Protein backbone atom coordinates (compact mmCIF):
# COMPACT_ATOMS: atom_id res chain seq x y z
CA SER A 1 16.77 45.99 188.18
CA ARG A 2 16.38 49.64 187.72
CA PRO A 3 12.79 50.95 187.36
CA TRP A 4 13.85 54.35 186.06
CA MET A 5 15.39 52.68 182.94
CA LYS A 6 11.98 51.31 182.07
CA TRP A 7 10.51 54.83 182.29
CA ILE A 8 13.26 56.31 180.11
CA ALA A 9 12.64 53.59 177.51
CA ILE A 10 8.89 54.33 177.56
CA ILE A 11 9.49 58.09 177.24
CA LEU A 12 11.94 57.55 174.37
CA ALA A 13 9.49 55.20 172.62
CA ILE A 14 6.68 57.79 172.95
CA ALA A 15 9.00 60.57 171.67
CA LEU A 16 10.06 58.41 168.72
CA ALA A 17 6.43 57.55 167.92
CA GLY A 18 5.50 61.25 168.13
CA LEU A 19 8.39 62.14 165.83
CA LEU A 20 7.35 59.47 163.30
CA ILE A 21 3.72 60.66 163.42
CA GLY A 22 4.91 64.27 162.86
CA PHE A 23 6.99 63.27 159.83
CA ALA A 24 4.13 61.23 158.39
CA PHE A 25 1.68 64.13 158.85
CA ASP A 26 4.12 66.61 157.24
CA TYR A 27 4.72 64.26 154.29
CA TRP A 28 0.99 63.74 153.78
CA ASN A 29 0.25 67.49 154.06
CA THR A 30 3.07 68.42 151.62
CA SER A 31 1.93 65.88 149.03
CA GLN A 32 -1.64 67.25 149.26
CA GLN A 33 -0.33 70.80 148.65
CA GLN A 34 1.78 69.63 145.71
CA GLN A 35 -1.20 67.85 144.21
CA ALA A 36 -3.35 70.99 144.60
CA GLU A 37 -0.62 73.12 142.97
CA GLN A 38 -0.33 70.66 140.07
CA GLU A 39 -4.09 70.79 139.54
CA GLN A 40 -3.98 74.61 139.53
CA ASP A 41 -1.10 74.56 137.00
CA GLN A 42 -3.04 72.15 134.79
CA GLN A 43 -6.13 74.37 134.96
CA ALA A 44 -4.04 77.46 134.15
CA GLN A 45 -2.43 75.70 131.18
CA ALA A 46 -5.81 74.51 129.97
CA ASN A 47 -6.85 78.17 130.05
CA MET A 48 -3.85 79.23 127.90
CA VAL A 49 -3.76 79.59 124.11
CA THR A 50 -0.94 80.20 121.63
CA VAL A 51 -1.15 83.29 119.40
CA PRO A 52 -1.13 82.09 115.74
CA ASP A 53 0.91 83.48 112.83
CA VAL A 54 -1.36 85.87 110.91
CA GLU A 55 0.86 87.69 108.41
CA ASP A 56 -0.69 88.19 104.95
CA ARG A 57 -3.80 86.14 105.77
CA PRO A 58 -7.35 87.42 105.11
CA ARG A 59 -8.80 89.54 107.92
CA SER A 60 -12.02 87.51 108.31
CA GLU A 61 -10.13 84.19 108.49
CA VAL A 62 -7.73 85.53 111.14
CA ILE A 63 -10.50 87.07 113.27
CA ALA A 64 -12.49 83.81 113.15
CA GLU A 65 -9.43 81.81 114.27
CA LEU A 66 -8.65 84.24 117.10
CA GLU A 67 -12.25 84.22 118.31
CA ASP A 68 -12.27 80.39 118.20
CA LEU A 69 -9.30 80.57 120.61
CA ASP A 70 -11.48 82.74 122.89
CA LEU A 71 -9.31 85.82 122.30
CA LEU A 72 -10.79 89.32 122.08
CA VAL A 73 -9.69 91.13 118.90
CA THR A 74 -9.06 94.85 118.41
CA VAL A 75 -8.46 95.73 114.73
CA ASN A 76 -6.29 98.63 113.50
CA GLU A 77 -5.78 99.55 109.85
CA GLU A 78 -2.51 100.71 108.34
CA ALA A 79 -1.44 101.49 104.78
CA ASN A 80 0.97 98.90 103.43
CA PRO A 81 2.15 98.66 99.81
CA ASP A 82 3.35 95.04 100.19
CA ILE A 83 0.28 93.40 101.75
CA ALA A 84 -3.09 93.29 99.99
CA ARG A 85 -6.01 95.30 101.36
CA ASP A 86 -7.81 93.55 104.29
CA ASN A 87 -4.96 91.09 104.87
CA ALA A 88 -3.21 90.94 108.24
CA ILE A 89 0.09 92.77 108.65
CA ARG A 90 0.91 91.75 112.25
CA ILE A 91 -0.52 90.82 115.64
CA ASN A 92 0.42 91.98 119.12
CA PRO A 93 1.42 90.04 121.23
CA ALA A 94 3.67 88.28 118.71
CA PRO A 95 2.85 84.87 117.18
CA GLY A 96 3.81 82.01 119.51
CA SER A 97 3.02 83.99 122.68
CA GLN A 98 1.02 82.20 125.37
CA LEU A 99 -2.09 84.08 126.55
CA GLN A 100 -4.97 83.31 128.85
CA ARG A 101 -8.34 82.90 127.18
CA ASN A 102 -10.35 86.16 126.96
CA SER A 103 -7.15 88.21 126.61
CA THR A 104 -7.14 91.02 124.04
CA VAL A 105 -4.90 90.96 120.96
CA ILE A 106 -4.34 93.82 118.52
CA LEU A 107 -4.59 92.82 114.86
CA THR A 108 -3.20 95.27 112.31
CA VAL A 109 -4.62 94.86 108.79
CA SER A 110 -3.64 96.51 105.53
CA SER A 111 -5.76 99.33 104.16
CA GLY A 112 -3.87 98.85 100.89
CA ARG A 113 -1.48 101.30 99.41
CA GLU A 114 -1.41 104.78 100.83
CA ILE A 115 -3.54 107.28 98.91
CA THR A 116 -2.13 110.62 97.78
CA GLU A 117 -3.50 113.59 95.89
CA VAL A 118 -2.24 114.25 92.34
CA PRO A 119 -0.53 117.66 92.19
CA ASP A 120 -1.15 120.17 89.37
CA VAL A 121 1.88 119.94 87.07
CA VAL A 122 0.39 121.78 84.04
CA GLY A 123 2.70 124.69 83.10
CA LEU A 124 5.77 123.18 84.79
CA SER A 125 8.91 121.99 83.02
CA LEU A 126 9.27 118.21 82.72
CA GLU A 127 11.96 118.27 85.42
CA ASP A 128 9.82 120.32 87.83
CA ALA A 129 6.74 118.19 87.06
CA SER A 130 8.72 115.00 87.76
CA ARG A 131 9.95 116.46 91.08
CA ALA A 132 6.41 117.57 92.10
CA LEU A 133 5.03 114.11 91.30
CA SER A 134 7.88 112.43 93.18
CA ASP A 135 7.27 114.65 96.24
CA ALA A 136 3.65 113.40 96.22
CA GLY A 137 4.80 109.77 96.08
CA LEU A 138 3.93 109.43 92.39
CA SER A 139 6.03 109.12 89.25
CA MET A 140 5.85 110.40 85.71
CA SER A 141 4.95 107.91 83.01
CA ASP A 142 7.91 106.78 80.88
CA SER A 143 6.09 107.83 77.70
CA VAL A 144 5.68 111.61 77.55
CA GLU A 145 3.22 112.70 74.90
CA GLU A 146 4.37 115.73 72.90
CA GLU A 147 2.06 118.14 71.09
CA GLU A 148 2.33 121.29 68.99
CA SER A 149 2.09 124.44 71.09
CA SER A 150 3.10 128.08 71.22
CA ALA A 151 6.73 129.01 71.75
CA ASP A 152 6.19 129.99 75.40
CA ASN A 153 4.83 126.47 76.20
CA THR A 154 7.81 124.62 74.70
CA GLY A 155 9.15 122.00 77.12
CA ARG A 156 6.25 122.58 79.52
CA VAL A 157 3.45 120.26 80.58
CA THR A 158 0.16 121.19 78.86
CA GLN A 159 -2.01 118.28 80.04
CA GLN A 160 -1.91 115.56 82.68
CA ASN A 161 -3.82 112.37 83.29
CA PRO A 162 -5.25 111.84 85.86
CA PRO A 163 -6.09 115.50 86.52
CA ALA A 164 -4.86 117.51 89.51
CA GLY A 165 -6.76 116.76 92.73
CA SER A 166 -7.44 113.12 91.83
CA GLN A 167 -6.71 110.47 94.47
CA LEU A 168 -4.14 107.80 93.54
CA SER A 169 -2.25 105.09 95.35
CA ARG A 170 1.35 106.03 96.16
CA GLY A 171 3.72 104.70 93.53
CA SER A 172 1.21 105.23 90.67
CA ARG A 173 2.21 106.89 87.39
CA VAL A 174 0.86 110.11 85.92
CA THR A 175 0.90 110.70 82.15
CA VAL A 176 1.91 114.17 80.89
């Protein structure tokens, strides 16, 4: 028989064994990498929190919840006529966002209605007084009190309550 055929068979068997060992090593190495990546993903997800909905909730309650989630809170105040003073208006990033623990969120809370100064309307006509109050974000009371006065004061404002210079919330009424 032919001795060289035996050597070719041995060489092919060694090559096949080497190929099988290479595939097995690659498979084992790839599965180890995948397992390590999955563990990293699980750790990253365990380190993530969801930003809660905060609108119109008390400031102290919202801050406590955010701090319990290991978020750092920066608070801004903003006038808002629709949300009570010290209640949350909004949060940034938006509710439902996924953040890593120790991330910073910006909480905007209501400082209440915006404050404005009452203008001096004494001596003005009712129409001019109403316009001046409106320009300041205020309105004239529906009930105008009339009083006896000299002819040159007829149809003019002689008194106002609250007095000029007082601080009022926008939308408040002034009696003349």
